[in-house]
């Protein structure tokens, strides 16, 4: 069967299931340059982030996507199609490596889509080497 994003359950309860924050929120908190306030139901307010793909400072969590450094479709094509649902969920929510999930502008993440480095590099030329190194490390 072909790739189906729903086969990778993502934004689960995160690395700390008792903090009320899902994986997305935990990555945003972790990568904030200026920490956001964390309210009820892990609602984030304030804070700022640096999207290194396009060298943009972002001041609203809603302006960010969490990029899977190696896209889910790429993982699927590289063998995740044979993984259990549990292993795919673990991959989609992996915070074990600092580079697995990256907070970047929605625009840059969506331009990347499911492409690998041979097909896409960050819009900011100064990010190319870092991106390639992190891709290989992931």
N, C-alpha and C. Protein backbone atom coordinates (compact mmCIF):
# COMPACT_ATOMS: atom_id res chain seq x y z
N UNK A 1 0.83 -1.19 0.00
CA UNK A 1 0.00 0.00 0.00
C UNK A 1 0.87 1.25 0.00
N UNK A 2 0.30 2.35 -0.48
CA UNK A 2 1.02 3.60 -0.54
C UNK A 2 1.02 4.35 0.78
N UNK A 3 1.80 5.40 0.81
CA UNK A 3 1.95 6.23 2.01
C UNK A 3 0.63 6.87 2.40
N UNK A 4 0.35 6.85 3.69
CA UNK A 4 -0.81 7.52 4.28
C UNK A 4 -0.34 8.20 5.55
N UNK A 5 -0.40 9.53 5.58
CA UNK A 5 0.07 10.29 6.74
C UNK A 5 -0.60 9.82 8.02
N UNK A 6 -1.85 9.40 7.94
CA UNK A 6 -2.57 8.94 9.13
C UNK A 6 -1.98 7.66 9.72
N UNK A 7 -1.11 6.99 8.98
CA UNK A 7 -0.45 5.79 9.52
C UNK A 7 0.58 6.15 10.59
N UNK A 8 0.93 7.45 10.67
CA UNK A 8 1.87 7.95 11.66
C UNK A 8 1.10 8.83 12.64
N UNK A 9 0.63 8.25 13.72
CA UNK A 9 -0.10 9.06 14.71
C UNK A 9 0.88 10.06 15.32
N UNK A 10 0.60 11.34 15.08
CA UNK A 10 1.53 12.32 15.62
C UNK A 10 0.81 13.34 16.49
N UNK A 11 1.64 14.01 17.25
CA UNK A 11 1.24 14.97 18.28
C UNK A 11 0.47 14.24 19.38
N UNK A 12 1.10 13.17 19.85
CA UNK A 12 0.55 12.42 20.98
C UNK A 12 0.86 13.16 22.29
N UNK A 13 0.76 12.49 23.42
CA UNK A 13 0.93 13.13 24.73
C UNK A 13 2.36 13.60 24.98
N UNK A 14 3.26 13.31 24.09
CA UNK A 14 4.61 13.84 24.18
C UNK A 14 5.52 13.09 25.11
N UNK A 15 6.70 13.66 25.30
CA UNK A 15 7.73 13.03 26.12
C UNK A 15 7.34 12.97 27.59
N UNK A 16 6.52 13.92 28.02
CA UNK A 16 6.05 13.95 29.41
C UNK A 16 4.52 13.89 29.40
N UNK A 17 3.94 12.71 29.44
CA UNK A 17 2.49 12.57 29.33
C UNK A 17 1.70 13.23 30.45
N UNK A 18 2.36 13.64 31.52
CA UNK A 18 1.63 14.24 32.64
C UNK A 18 1.61 15.76 32.60
N UNK A 19 2.31 16.38 31.63
CA UNK A 19 2.37 17.85 31.63
C UNK A 19 1.22 18.51 30.87
N UNK A 20 0.36 17.72 30.23
CA UNK A 20 -0.78 18.28 29.52
C UNK A 20 -0.44 18.82 28.14
N UNK A 21 0.82 18.72 27.74
CA UNK A 21 1.26 19.24 26.44
C UNK A 21 1.50 18.09 25.48
N UNK A 22 1.07 18.28 24.23
CA UNK A 22 1.35 17.26 23.23
C UNK A 22 2.76 17.48 22.66
N UNK A 23 3.16 16.61 21.78
CA UNK A 23 4.51 16.69 21.21
C UNK A 23 4.76 18.03 20.56
N UNK A 24 3.81 18.51 19.78
CA UNK A 24 3.98 19.81 19.11
C UNK A 24 4.30 20.91 20.12
N UNK A 25 3.51 20.99 21.17
CA UNK A 25 3.72 22.04 22.18
C UNK A 25 5.06 21.86 22.89
N UNK A 26 5.42 20.62 23.18
CA UNK A 26 6.71 20.38 23.84
C UNK A 26 7.88 20.83 22.97
N UNK A 27 7.79 20.60 21.67
CA UNK A 27 8.86 21.05 20.77
C UNK A 27 8.89 22.57 20.74
N UNK A 28 7.73 23.20 20.68
CA UNK A 28 7.69 24.67 20.68
C UNK A 28 8.30 25.24 21.96
N UNK A 29 7.98 24.65 23.09
CA UNK A 29 8.54 25.12 24.37
C UNK A 29 10.05 24.92 24.36
N UNK A 30 10.49 23.78 23.91
CA UNK A 30 11.92 23.45 23.90
C UNK A 30 12.72 24.36 22.98
N UNK A 31 12.15 24.72 21.84
CA UNK A 31 12.90 25.48 20.84
C UNK A 31 12.70 26.99 20.94
N UNK A 32 11.91 27.44 21.89
CA UNK A 32 11.67 28.88 22.02
C UNK A 32 12.96 29.63 22.34
N UNK A 33 13.15 30.75 21.67
CA UNK A 33 14.27 31.65 21.97
C UNK A 33 13.89 32.48 23.20
N UNK A 34 12.64 32.86 23.24
CA UNK A 34 12.04 33.54 24.39
C UNK A 34 10.87 32.67 24.81
N UNK A 35 10.89 32.17 26.03
CA UNK A 35 9.90 31.18 26.48
C UNK A 35 8.48 31.74 26.45
N UNK A 36 7.54 30.95 25.93
CA UNK A 36 6.14 31.36 25.98
C UNK A 36 5.56 31.05 27.36
N UNK A 37 4.47 31.72 27.69
CA UNK A 37 3.72 31.36 28.89
C UNK A 37 2.91 30.12 28.54
N UNK A 38 2.85 29.18 29.46
CA UNK A 38 2.10 27.95 29.24
C UNK A 38 0.87 27.98 30.13
N UNK A 39 -0.30 28.09 29.51
CA UNK A 39 -1.54 28.19 30.25
C UNK A 39 -2.28 26.88 30.35
N UNK A 40 -3.53 26.98 30.73
CA UNK A 40 -4.39 25.80 30.85
C UNK A 40 -4.43 25.05 29.53
N UNK A 41 -4.48 23.73 29.61
CA UNK A 41 -4.50 22.86 28.43
C UNK A 41 -3.29 23.11 27.53
N UNK A 42 -2.20 23.56 28.14
CA UNK A 42 -0.94 23.80 27.44
C UNK A 42 -1.07 24.85 26.34
N UNK A 43 -1.92 25.82 26.56
CA UNK A 43 -2.06 26.92 25.59
C UNK A 43 -0.84 27.84 25.73
N UNK A 44 -0.16 28.07 24.61
CA UNK A 44 1.05 28.88 24.61
C UNK A 44 0.73 30.31 24.21
N UNK A 45 1.21 31.26 24.99
CA UNK A 45 1.06 32.67 24.64
C UNK A 45 2.42 33.35 24.77
N UNK A 46 2.63 34.33 23.92
CA UNK A 46 3.91 35.02 23.93
C UNK A 46 5.00 34.11 23.41
N UNK A 47 6.21 34.49 23.69
CA UNK A 47 7.36 33.71 23.26
C UNK A 47 7.82 34.11 21.87
N UNK A 48 8.99 33.65 21.51
CA UNK A 48 9.48 33.84 20.15
C UNK A 48 10.37 32.67 19.76
N UNK A 49 10.48 32.46 18.46
CA UNK A 49 11.22 31.33 17.91
C UNK A 49 12.04 31.81 16.72
N UNK A 50 13.10 31.08 16.42
CA UNK A 50 13.93 31.37 15.26
C UNK A 50 13.77 30.21 14.28
N UNK A 51 13.20 30.50 13.13
CA UNK A 51 13.05 29.50 12.07
C UNK A 51 14.32 29.54 11.22
N UNK A 52 15.21 28.61 11.48
CA UNK A 52 16.50 28.68 10.80
C UNK A 52 16.42 28.38 9.31
N UNK A 53 15.38 27.68 8.86
CA UNK A 53 15.26 27.39 7.44
C UNK A 53 15.24 28.67 6.61
N UNK A 54 14.52 29.68 7.11
CA UNK A 54 14.38 30.92 6.36
C UNK A 54 14.87 32.15 7.12
N UNK A 55 15.52 31.91 8.28
CA UNK A 55 16.12 33.00 9.07
C UNK A 55 15.08 34.05 9.46
N UNK A 56 13.96 33.56 9.99
CA UNK A 56 12.85 34.43 10.37
C UNK A 56 12.56 34.27 11.86
N UNK A 57 12.35 35.39 12.53
CA UNK A 57 11.91 35.38 13.93
C UNK A 57 10.38 35.33 13.92
N UNK A 58 9.83 34.42 14.69
CA UNK A 58 8.38 34.21 14.75
C UNK A 58 7.92 34.48 16.17
N UNK A 59 6.86 35.27 16.31
CA UNK A 59 6.39 35.64 17.65
C UNK A 59 5.03 35.04 17.99
N UNK A 60 4.57 34.12 17.19
CA UNK A 60 3.31 33.44 17.48
C UNK A 60 3.46 31.96 17.16
N UNK A 61 3.15 31.13 18.13
CA UNK A 61 3.26 29.68 17.92
C UNK A 61 2.42 29.22 16.74
N UNK A 62 1.32 29.91 16.48
CA UNK A 62 0.45 29.50 15.37
C UNK A 62 1.10 29.72 14.01
N UNK A 63 2.17 30.50 13.94
CA UNK A 63 2.88 30.72 12.69
C UNK A 63 3.93 29.66 12.40
N UNK A 64 4.01 28.67 13.27
CA UNK A 64 5.04 27.64 13.14
C UNK A 64 4.44 26.28 12.84
N UNK A 65 5.18 25.51 12.08
CA UNK A 65 4.91 24.09 11.91
C UNK A 65 6.04 23.35 12.61
N UNK A 66 5.77 22.12 12.98
CA UNK A 66 6.83 21.26 13.47
C UNK A 66 7.19 20.34 12.31
N UNK A 67 8.39 20.52 11.80
CA UNK A 67 8.85 19.75 10.66
C UNK A 67 9.48 18.44 11.11
N UNK A 68 9.09 17.37 10.47
CA UNK A 68 9.79 16.10 10.64
C UNK A 68 11.01 16.21 9.73
N UNK A 69 12.19 16.30 10.32
CA UNK A 69 13.42 16.50 9.53
C UNK A 69 13.44 15.54 8.35
N UNK A 70 13.25 14.26 8.61
CA UNK A 70 13.05 13.29 7.53
C UNK A 70 11.54 13.11 7.43
N UNK A 71 10.95 13.59 6.33
CA UNK A 71 9.49 13.57 6.22
C UNK A 71 8.90 12.16 6.39
N UNK A 72 7.69 12.14 6.87
CA UNK A 72 7.01 10.86 7.10
C UNK A 72 6.93 10.04 5.82
N UNK A 73 6.66 10.69 4.69
CA UNK A 73 6.58 9.96 3.42
C UNK A 73 7.92 9.35 3.05
N UNK A 74 8.99 10.09 3.31
CA UNK A 74 10.34 9.57 3.04
C UNK A 74 10.63 8.37 3.94
N UNK A 75 10.24 8.49 5.21
CA UNK A 75 10.42 7.36 6.14
C UNK A 75 9.64 6.15 5.64
N UNK A 76 8.41 6.38 5.20
CA UNK A 76 7.57 5.31 4.68
C UNK A 76 8.27 4.59 3.53
N UNK A 77 8.77 5.39 2.58
CA UNK A 77 9.44 4.81 1.41
C UNK A 77 10.76 4.13 1.76
N UNK A 78 11.32 4.51 2.90
CA UNK A 78 12.62 3.95 3.33
C UNK A 78 12.48 2.79 4.30
N UNK A 79 11.25 2.30 4.50
CA UNK A 79 11.07 1.11 5.32
C UNK A 79 10.02 1.21 6.40
N UNK A 80 9.54 2.42 6.71
CA UNK A 80 8.54 2.56 7.77
C UNK A 80 7.21 1.90 7.39
N UNK A 81 7.03 1.61 6.11
CA UNK A 81 5.81 0.90 5.69
C UNK A 81 5.73 -0.47 6.35
N UNK A 82 6.87 -1.03 6.74
CA UNK A 82 6.90 -2.35 7.38
C UNK A 82 6.88 -2.26 8.90
N UNK A 83 6.92 -1.05 9.44
CA UNK A 83 6.92 -0.88 10.89
C UNK A 83 5.54 -1.12 11.48
N UNK A 84 5.51 -1.39 12.77
CA UNK A 84 4.24 -1.47 13.48
C UNK A 84 3.69 -0.05 13.64
N UNK A 85 2.40 0.04 13.91
CA UNK A 85 1.78 1.35 14.16
C UNK A 85 2.45 2.04 15.34
N UNK A 86 2.81 1.27 16.34
CA UNK A 86 3.45 1.83 17.53
C UNK A 86 4.82 2.43 17.19
N UNK A 87 5.57 1.76 16.36
CA UNK A 87 6.90 2.28 15.98
C UNK A 87 6.76 3.54 15.11
N UNK A 88 5.76 3.56 14.22
CA UNK A 88 5.53 4.77 13.40
C UNK A 88 5.12 5.94 14.28
N UNK A 89 4.29 5.69 15.28
CA UNK A 89 3.91 6.76 16.21
C UNK A 89 5.13 7.28 16.96
N UNK A 90 5.98 6.38 17.41
CA UNK A 90 7.21 6.79 18.12
C UNK A 90 8.08 7.64 17.21
N UNK A 91 8.20 7.27 15.95
CA UNK A 91 8.99 8.05 15.00
C UNK A 91 8.39 9.45 14.80
N UNK A 92 7.09 9.51 14.61
CA UNK A 92 6.42 10.79 14.33
C UNK A 92 6.49 11.75 15.51
N UNK A 93 6.73 11.25 16.70
CA UNK A 93 6.77 12.07 17.91
C UNK A 93 8.14 12.07 18.57
N UNK A 94 9.16 11.66 17.85
CA UNK A 94 10.50 11.47 18.41
C UNK A 94 11.14 12.77 18.86
N UNK A 95 11.32 12.89 20.16
CA UNK A 95 12.04 14.03 20.72
C UNK A 95 13.39 13.59 21.30
N UNK A 96 13.77 12.37 21.00
CA UNK A 96 15.02 11.83 21.52
C UNK A 96 16.26 12.48 20.92
N UNK A 97 16.14 12.97 19.71
CA UNK A 97 17.23 13.70 19.06
C UNK A 97 16.75 15.12 18.81
N UNK A 98 17.60 16.08 19.10
CA UNK A 98 17.21 17.49 18.98
C UNK A 98 16.84 17.88 17.55
N UNK A 99 17.26 17.10 16.58
CA UNK A 99 17.01 17.46 15.18
C UNK A 99 15.86 16.70 14.53
N UNK A 100 15.24 15.78 15.21
CA UNK A 100 14.16 14.99 14.60
C UNK A 100 12.95 15.84 14.26
N UNK A 101 12.58 16.71 15.17
CA UNK A 101 11.43 17.60 15.00
C UNK A 101 11.93 19.03 15.18
N UNK A 102 11.59 19.89 14.22
CA UNK A 102 12.14 21.24 14.20
C UNK A 102 11.01 22.25 14.01
N UNK A 103 10.97 23.28 14.87
CA UNK A 103 9.98 24.35 14.74
C UNK A 103 10.46 25.33 13.67
N UNK A 104 9.68 25.45 12.61
CA UNK A 104 10.02 26.34 11.49
C UNK A 104 8.76 27.03 11.00
N UNK A 105 8.93 28.06 10.18
CA UNK A 105 7.74 28.73 9.66
C UNK A 105 6.90 27.74 8.87
N UNK A 106 5.60 27.93 8.94
CA UNK A 106 4.69 27.08 8.19
C UNK A 106 5.02 27.15 6.70
N UNK A 107 5.37 28.34 6.24
CA UNK A 107 5.68 28.53 4.83
C UNK A 107 6.87 27.66 4.39
N UNK A 108 7.94 27.67 5.18
CA UNK A 108 9.11 26.88 4.79
C UNK A 108 8.83 25.39 4.87
N UNK A 109 8.11 24.96 5.90
CA UNK A 109 7.80 23.54 6.03
C UNK A 109 6.92 23.06 4.88
N UNK A 110 5.96 23.86 4.49
CA UNK A 110 5.04 23.44 3.43
C UNK A 110 5.71 23.46 2.07
N UNK A 111 6.71 24.34 1.90
CA UNK A 111 7.45 24.32 0.63
C UNK A 111 8.32 23.06 0.54
N UNK A 112 8.79 22.58 1.68
CA UNK A 112 9.58 21.35 1.73
C UNK A 112 8.71 20.15 1.41
N UNK A 113 7.53 20.12 2.00
CA UNK A 113 6.60 18.99 1.84
C UNK A 113 7.31 17.69 2.20
N UNK A 114 7.31 16.71 1.31
CA UNK A 114 7.92 15.41 1.62
C UNK A 114 9.22 15.20 0.82
N UNK A 115 9.87 16.29 0.46
CA UNK A 115 11.08 16.20 -0.35
C UNK A 115 12.33 15.95 0.49
N UNK A 116 13.29 15.30 -0.13
CA UNK A 116 14.57 15.07 0.55
C UNK A 116 15.56 16.16 0.12
N UNK A 117 16.76 16.20 0.70
CA UNK A 117 17.71 17.27 0.39
C UNK A 117 18.14 17.35 -1.08
N UNK A 118 18.00 16.29 -1.83
CA UNK A 118 18.32 16.36 -3.26
C UNK A 118 17.28 17.18 -4.01
N UNK A 119 16.08 17.30 -3.41
CA UNK A 119 14.98 18.01 -4.06
C UNK A 119 14.69 19.37 -3.42
N UNK A 120 15.07 19.54 -2.16
CA UNK A 120 14.73 20.78 -1.44
C UNK A 120 15.80 21.12 -0.43
N UNK A 121 16.14 22.39 -0.37
CA UNK A 121 17.00 22.92 0.68
C UNK A 121 16.32 24.16 1.24
N UNK A 122 16.60 24.52 2.48
CA UNK A 122 15.97 25.70 3.06
C UNK A 122 16.19 26.93 2.18
N UNK A 123 15.23 27.86 2.20
CA UNK A 123 15.37 29.07 1.39
C UNK A 123 16.59 29.91 1.75
N UNK A 124 17.01 29.89 3.00
CA UNK A 124 18.18 30.66 3.42
C UNK A 124 19.45 29.86 3.11
N UNK A 125 20.29 30.40 2.25
CA UNK A 125 21.52 29.70 1.85
C UNK A 125 22.39 29.36 3.05
N UNK A 126 22.39 30.22 4.07
CA UNK A 126 23.23 29.97 5.25
C UNK A 126 22.74 28.78 6.07
N UNK A 127 21.57 28.26 5.76
CA UNK A 127 21.03 27.11 6.48
C UNK A 127 21.32 25.78 5.78
N UNK A 128 21.83 25.82 4.57
CA UNK A 128 22.01 24.59 3.78
C UNK A 128 22.89 23.55 4.46
N UNK A 129 24.06 23.95 4.92
CA UNK A 129 24.99 22.98 5.53
C UNK A 129 24.41 22.39 6.81
N UNK A 130 23.84 23.24 7.65
CA UNK A 130 23.24 22.75 8.89
C UNK A 130 22.13 21.75 8.58
N UNK A 131 21.27 22.11 7.62
CA UNK A 131 20.16 21.25 7.26
C UNK A 131 20.65 19.89 6.77
N UNK A 132 21.62 19.90 5.88
CA UNK A 132 22.16 18.64 5.34
C UNK A 132 22.78 17.80 6.45
N UNK A 133 23.51 18.43 7.35
CA UNK A 133 24.13 17.70 8.46
C UNK A 133 23.07 17.11 9.39
N UNK A 134 22.03 17.87 9.68
CA UNK A 134 20.97 17.37 10.56
C UNK A 134 20.17 16.25 9.88
N UNK A 135 19.95 16.36 8.59
CA UNK A 135 19.25 15.30 7.86
C UNK A 135 20.03 13.99 7.98
N UNK A 136 21.32 14.05 7.72
CA UNK A 136 22.17 12.86 7.78
C UNK A 136 22.21 12.30 9.21
N UNK A 137 22.27 13.19 10.20
CA UNK A 137 22.34 12.76 11.60
C UNK A 137 21.04 12.12 12.07
N UNK A 138 19.94 12.50 11.45
CA UNK A 138 18.64 11.97 11.84
C UNK A 138 18.45 10.62 11.22
